[in-house]
C-alpha atoms as a PDB file:
ATOM      1  CA  UNK A   1       5.539  -3.151   6.327  1.00  0.00           C
ATOM      2  CA  UNK A   2       6.718  -0.297   8.509  1.00  0.00           C
ATOM      3  CA  UNK A   3       9.576   2.125   7.813  1.00  0.00           C
ATOM      4  CA  UNK A   4      11.693   3.585  10.599  1.00  0.00           C
ATOM      5  CA  UNK A   5      14.135   6.441  10.046  1.00  0.00           C
ATOM      6  CA  UNK A   6      16.381   7.694  12.835  1.00  0.00           C
ATOM      7  CA  UNK A   7      18.727  10.642  12.172  1.00  0.00           C
ATOM      8  CA  UNK A   8      21.049  11.820  14.891  1.00  0.00           C
ATOM      9  CA  UNK A   9      24.018  14.144  15.008  1.00  0.00           C
ATOM     10  CA  UNK A  10      27.068  12.683  16.707  1.00  0.00           C
ATOM     11  CA  UNK A  11      29.083  15.581  18.091  1.00  0.00           C
ATOM     12  CA  UNK A  12      32.882  15.717  17.917  1.00  0.00           C
ATOM     13  CA  UNK A  13      33.039  12.541  15.808  1.00  0.00           C
ATOM     14  CA  UNK A  14      34.044  12.671  12.143  1.00  0.00           C
ATOM     15  CA  UNK A  15      32.116  10.526   9.595  1.00  0.00           C
ATOM     16  CA  UNK A  16      34.922   7.997   9.066  1.00  0.00           C
ATOM     17  CA  UNK A  17      35.335   7.384  12.805  1.00  0.00           C
ATOM     18  CA  UNK A  18      31.553   7.072  13.222  1.00  0.00           C
ATOM     19  CA  UNK A  19      31.394   4.585  10.332  1.00  0.00           C
ATOM     20  CA  UNK A  20      34.226   2.459  11.743  1.00  0.00           C
ATOM     21  CA  UNK A  21      32.598   2.341  15.189  1.00  0.00           C
ATOM     22  CA  UNK A  22      29.146   1.482  13.816  1.00  0.00           C
ATOM     23  CA  UNK A  23      30.500  -1.317  11.627  1.00  0.00           C
ATOM     24  CA  UNK A  24      32.270  -2.906  14.641  1.00  0.00           C
ATOM     25  CA  UNK A  25      29.232  -4.933  15.724  1.00  0.00           C
ATOM     26  CA  UNK A  26      31.243  -7.001  18.219  1.00  0.00           C
ATOM     27  CA  UNK A  27      31.596  -3.885  20.422  1.00  0.00           C
ATOM     28  CA  UNK A  28      27.860  -3.249  20.759  1.00  0.00           C
ATOM     29  CA  UNK A  29      27.298  -5.404  23.885  1.00  0.00           C
ATOM     30  CA  UNK A  30      30.214  -3.591  25.566  1.00  0.00           C
ATOM     31  CA  UNK A  31      28.791  -0.105  25.018  1.00  0.00           C
ATOM     32  CA  UNK A  32      25.059  -0.618  25.632  1.00  0.00           C
ATOM     33  CA  UNK A  33      22.818  -2.931  27.627  1.00  0.00           C
ATOM     34  CA  UNK A  34      20.375  -2.887  24.709  1.00  0.00           C
ATOM     35  CA  UNK A  35      22.458  -5.420  22.756  1.00  0.00           C
ATOM     36  CA  UNK A  36      22.968  -8.648  24.672  1.00  0.00           C
ATOM     37  CA  UNK A  37      25.097 -10.508  22.121  1.00  0.00           C
ATOM     38  CA  UNK A  38      26.440 -10.222  18.587  1.00  0.00           C
ATOM     39  CA  UNK A  39      28.309 -13.061  16.921  1.00  0.00           C
ATOM     40  CA  UNK A  40      30.091 -11.960  13.747  1.00  0.00           C
ATOM     41  CA  UNK A  41      31.064 -14.763  11.377  1.00  0.00           C
ATOM     42  CA  UNK A  42      34.097 -14.661   9.049  1.00  0.00           C
ATOM     43  CA  UNK A  43      33.613 -12.569   5.899  1.00  0.00           C
ATOM     44  CA  UNK A  44      32.365 -14.190   2.704  1.00  0.00           C
ATOM     45  CA  UNK A  45      34.334 -13.891  -0.543  1.00  0.00           C
ATOM     46  CA  UNK A  46      32.158 -10.929  -1.573  1.00  0.00           C
ATOM     47  CA  UNK A  47      33.025  -9.046   1.636  1.00  0.00           C
ATOM     48  CA  UNK A  48      29.613  -9.496   3.251  1.00  0.00           C
ATOM     49  CA  UNK A  49      29.387 -10.742   6.804  1.00  0.00           C
ATOM     50  CA  UNK A  50      26.722 -12.773   8.555  1.00  0.00           C
ATOM     51  CA  UNK A  51      26.004 -11.766  12.141  1.00  0.00           C
ATOM     52  CA  UNK A  52      23.740 -13.235  14.844  1.00  0.00           C
ATOM     53  CA  UNK A  53      22.010 -10.729  17.145  1.00  0.00           C
ATOM     54  CA  UNK A  54      20.273 -10.919  20.519  1.00  0.00           C
ATOM     55  CA  UNK A  55      18.749  -7.580  21.516  1.00  0.00           C
ATOM     56  CA  UNK A  56      16.557  -6.461  24.395  1.00  0.00           C
ATOM     57  CA  UNK A  57      13.155  -5.583  23.020  1.00  0.00           C
ATOM     58  CA  UNK A  58      10.680  -4.246  25.556  1.00  0.00           C
ATOM     59  CA  UNK A  59      10.236  -7.012  28.170  1.00  0.00           C
ATOM     60  CA  UNK A  60      11.931  -9.735  26.161  1.00  0.00           C
ATOM     61  CA  UNK A  61      14.598 -10.538  23.626  1.00  0.00           C
ATOM     62  CA  UNK A  62      14.589 -10.432  19.831  1.00  0.00           C
ATOM     63  CA  UNK A  63      16.952 -12.706  17.928  1.00  0.00           C
ATOM     64  CA  UNK A  64      17.885 -12.723  14.268  1.00  0.00           C
ATOM     65  CA  UNK A  65      20.659 -13.481  11.800  1.00  0.00           C
ATOM     66  CA  UNK A  66      21.492 -10.878   9.170  1.00  0.00           C
ATOM     67  CA  UNK A  67      23.770 -10.428   6.198  1.00  0.00           C
ATOM     68  CA  UNK A  68      25.728  -7.168   6.338  1.00  0.00           C
ATOM     69  CA  UNK A  69      27.297  -5.416   3.342  1.00  0.00           C
ATOM     70  CA  UNK A  70      29.854  -2.658   3.938  1.00  0.00           C
ATOM     71  CA  UNK A  71      30.397   0.279   1.577  1.00  0.00           C
ATOM     72  CA  UNK A  72      33.389   2.255   2.908  1.00  0.00           C
ATOM     73  CA  UNK A  73      33.416   4.693  -0.029  1.00  0.00           C
ATOM     74  CA  UNK A  74      29.969   5.988   0.978  1.00  0.00           C
ATOM     75  CA  UNK A  75      30.381   5.155   4.693  1.00  0.00           C
ATOM     76  CA  UNK A  76      27.235   3.032   4.626  1.00  0.00           C
ATOM     77  CA  UNK A  77      26.156  -0.431   5.679  1.00  0.00           C
ATOM     78  CA  UNK A  78      23.254  -2.461   4.329  1.00  0.00           C
ATOM     79  CA  UNK A  79      21.654  -5.312   6.246  1.00  0.00           C
ATOM     80  CA  UNK A  80      19.025  -7.945   5.510  1.00  0.00           C
ATOM     81  CA  UNK A  81      17.637 -10.437   7.997  1.00  0.00           C
ATOM     82  CA  UNK A  82      18.205 -14.032   6.908  1.00  0.00           C
ATOM     83  CA  UNK A  83      16.214 -15.625   9.732  1.00  0.00           C
ATOM     84  CA  UNK A  84      14.792 -14.662  13.092  1.00  0.00           C
ATOM     85  CA  UNK A  85      11.965 -13.089  15.014  1.00  0.00           C
ATOM     86  CA  UNK A  86      10.977 -10.506  12.405  1.00  0.00           C
ATOM     87  CA  UNK A  87       9.167 -11.574   9.259  1.00  0.00           C
ATOM     88  CA  UNK A  88      11.175  -8.864   7.445  1.00  0.00           C
ATOM     89  CA  UNK A  89      13.986  -6.673   8.786  1.00  0.00           C
ATOM     90  CA  UNK A  90      16.296  -4.827   6.407  1.00  0.00           C
ATOM     91  CA  UNK A  91      17.870  -1.443   6.137  1.00  0.00           C
ATOM     92  CA  UNK A  92      20.912   0.795   6.070  1.00  0.00           C
ATOM     93  CA  UNK A  93      23.241   2.892   8.201  1.00  0.00           C
ATOM     94  CA  UNK A  94      24.838   6.035   6.710  1.00  0.00           C
ATOM     95  CA  UNK A  95      27.448   8.417   8.133  1.00  0.00           C
ATOM     96  CA  UNK A  96      27.678  11.861   6.509  1.00  0.00           C
ATOM     97  CA  UNK A  97      29.316  15.151   7.457  1.00  0.00           C
ATOM     98  CA  UNK A  98      27.060  17.009   9.843  1.00  0.00           C
ATOM     99  CA  UNK A  99      27.099  20.230  11.796  1.00  0.00           C
ATOM    100  CA  UNK A 100      30.493  21.707  12.752  1.00  0.00           C
ATOM    101  CA  UNK A 101      32.675  18.825  13.957  1.00  0.00           C
ATOM    102  CA  UNK A 102      29.892  16.261  13.923  1.00  0.00           C
ATOM    103  CA  UNK A 103      28.432  13.488  11.825  1.00  0.00           C
ATOM    104  CA  UNK A 104      24.866  12.897  10.759  1.00  0.00           C
ATOM    105  CA  UNK A 105      24.086   9.222  11.267  1.00  0.00           C
ATOM    106  CA  UNK A 106      21.003   7.879   9.532  1.00  0.00           C
ATOM    107  CA  UNK A 107      19.513   4.494  10.328  1.00  0.00           C
ATOM    108  CA  UNK A 108      16.684   3.375   8.060  1.00  0.00           C
ATOM    109  CA  UNK A 109      14.862   0.083   8.298  1.00  0.00           C
ATOM    110  CA  UNK A 110      11.819  -1.709   6.972  1.00  0.00           C
ATOM    111  CA  UNK A 111      10.285  -4.260   9.260  1.00  0.00           C
ATOM    112  CA  UNK A 112       7.313  -6.550   9.484  1.00  0.00           C
ATOM    113  CA  UNK A 113       6.659  -8.568  12.600  1.00  0.00           C
ATOM    114  CA  UNK A 114       4.623 -11.062  10.575  1.00  0.00           C
ATOM    115  CA  UNK A 115       1.467 -10.827  12.692  1.00  0.00           C
ATOM    116  CA  UNK A 116      -1.006  -8.985  10.434  1.00  0.00           C
ATOM    117  CA  UNK A 117      -3.943  -9.206  12.837  1.00  0.00           C
ATOM    118  CA  UNK A 118      -1.939  -7.432  15.567  1.00  0.00           C
ATOM    119  CA  UNK A 119       0.118  -5.092  13.366  1.00  0.00           C
ATOM    120  CA  UNK A 120      -1.961  -2.050  14.283  1.00  0.00           C
ATOM    121  CA  UNK A 121      -1.165  -2.609  17.971  1.00  0.00           C
ATOM    122  CA  UNK A 122       2.354  -4.071  17.812  1.00  0.00           C
ATOM    123  CA  UNK A 123       3.995  -2.080  15.014  1.00  0.00           C
ATOM    124  CA  UNK A 124       3.920   1.285  16.843  1.00  0.00           C
ATOM    125  CA  UNK A 125       5.446  -0.361  19.939  1.00  0.00           C
ATOM    126  CA  UNK A 126       8.147  -2.049  17.857  1.00  0.00           C
ATOM    127  CA  UNK A 127       8.791   1.222  16.005  1.00  0.00           C
ATOM    128  CA  UNK A 128       9.261   3.148  19.267  1.00  0.00           C
ATOM    129  CA  UNK A 129      11.453   0.441  20.791  1.00  0.00           C
ATOM    130  CA  UNK A 130      13.629   0.235  17.680  1.00  0.00           C
ATOM    131  CA  UNK A 131      14.117   4.031  17.684  1.00  0.00           C
ATOM    132  CA  UNK A 132      15.056   4.008  21.379  1.00  0.00           C
ATOM    133  CA  UNK A 133      17.451   1.092  20.901  1.00  0.00           C
ATOM    134  CA  UNK A 134      19.214   2.780  17.959  1.00  0.00           C
ATOM    135  CA  UNK A 135      19.668   5.977  19.971  1.00  0.00           C
ATOM    136  CA  UNK A 136      21.115   4.009  22.908  1.00  0.00           C
ATOM    137  CA  UNK A 137      23.473   2.117  20.625  1.00  0.00           C
ATOM    138  CA  UNK A 138      24.700   5.322  18.992  1.00  0.00           C
ATOM    139  CA  UNK A 139      25.141   7.058  22.335  1.00  0.00           C
ATOM    140  CA  UNK A 140      27.248   4.116  23.502  1.00  0.00           C
ATOM    141  CA  UNK A 141      29.349   4.045  20.330  1.00  0.00           C
ATOM    142  CA  UNK A 142      29.662   7.770  19.600  1.00  0.00           C
ATOM    143  CA  UNK A 143      29.059   9.694  22.831  1.00  0.00           C
ATOM    144  CA  UNK A 144      26.842  12.757  22.721  1.00  0.00           C
ATOM    145  CA  UNK A 145      24.118  12.501  20.086  1.00  0.00           C
ATOM    146  CA  UNK A 146      21.163  14.791  19.414  1.00  0.00           C
ATOM    147  CA  UNK A 147      18.386  14.816  16.831  1.00  0.00           C
ATOM    148  CA  UNK A 148      19.657  15.891  13.419  1.00  0.00           C
ATOM    149  CA  UNK A 149      18.478  19.269  12.103  1.00  0.00           C
ATOM    150  CA  UNK A 150      14.826  19.299  11.044  1.00  0.00           C
ATOM    151  CA  UNK A 151      15.625  19.779   7.353  1.00  0.00           C
ATOM    152  CA  UNK A 152      17.216  16.323   7.318  1.00  0.00           C
ATOM    153  CA  UNK A 153      14.144  14.551   8.670  1.00  0.00           C
ATOM    154  CA  UNK A 154      12.470  12.300   6.116  1.00  0.00           C
ATOM    155  CA  UNK A 155       8.911  13.624   6.185  1.00  0.00           C
ATOM    156  CA  UNK A 156       7.613  10.775   4.038  1.00  0.00           C
ATOM    157  CA  UNK A 157       8.915   8.238   6.565  1.00  0.00           C
ATOM    158  CA  UNK A 158       7.589  10.306   9.462  1.00  0.00           C
ATOM    159  CA  UNK A 159       4.158  10.518   7.844  1.00  0.00           C
ATOM    160  CA  UNK A 160       4.210   6.769   7.145  1.00  0.00           C
ATOM    161  CA  UNK A 161       4.992   5.983  10.791  1.00  0.00           C
END
């Protein structure tokens, strides 16, 4: 299983605004070509939402269905793939106060493509593509984003990748 951590600073966007934009999955296809389609189903009684995703991934498309849990008090979102092209895909989004008028957005995910014999070749490509896609999504949703300060980088995740 591979861990991906992406931390970016969104400039001139407060954490609550960043959180509200990130949780509005329906907007993603409107703000970036990376996301082709997102279908968000009505909320369950527990507040979770199931969403169907189609995302450009290198020269093709990846599709999956995930369950999303929203935690407004901590401005975080958890997701777990229910079915789709990954064997495993789960993670979190977090929005925290950042530098000056900005927000530090952290995306963390664990994934497994489910092809053990090719993992050594495919996982680094999937890792890089996922990082690029997250940056494009955040740029579309939040405007100017830059890498978060070095002290925020998860060295354990970086060493694992």
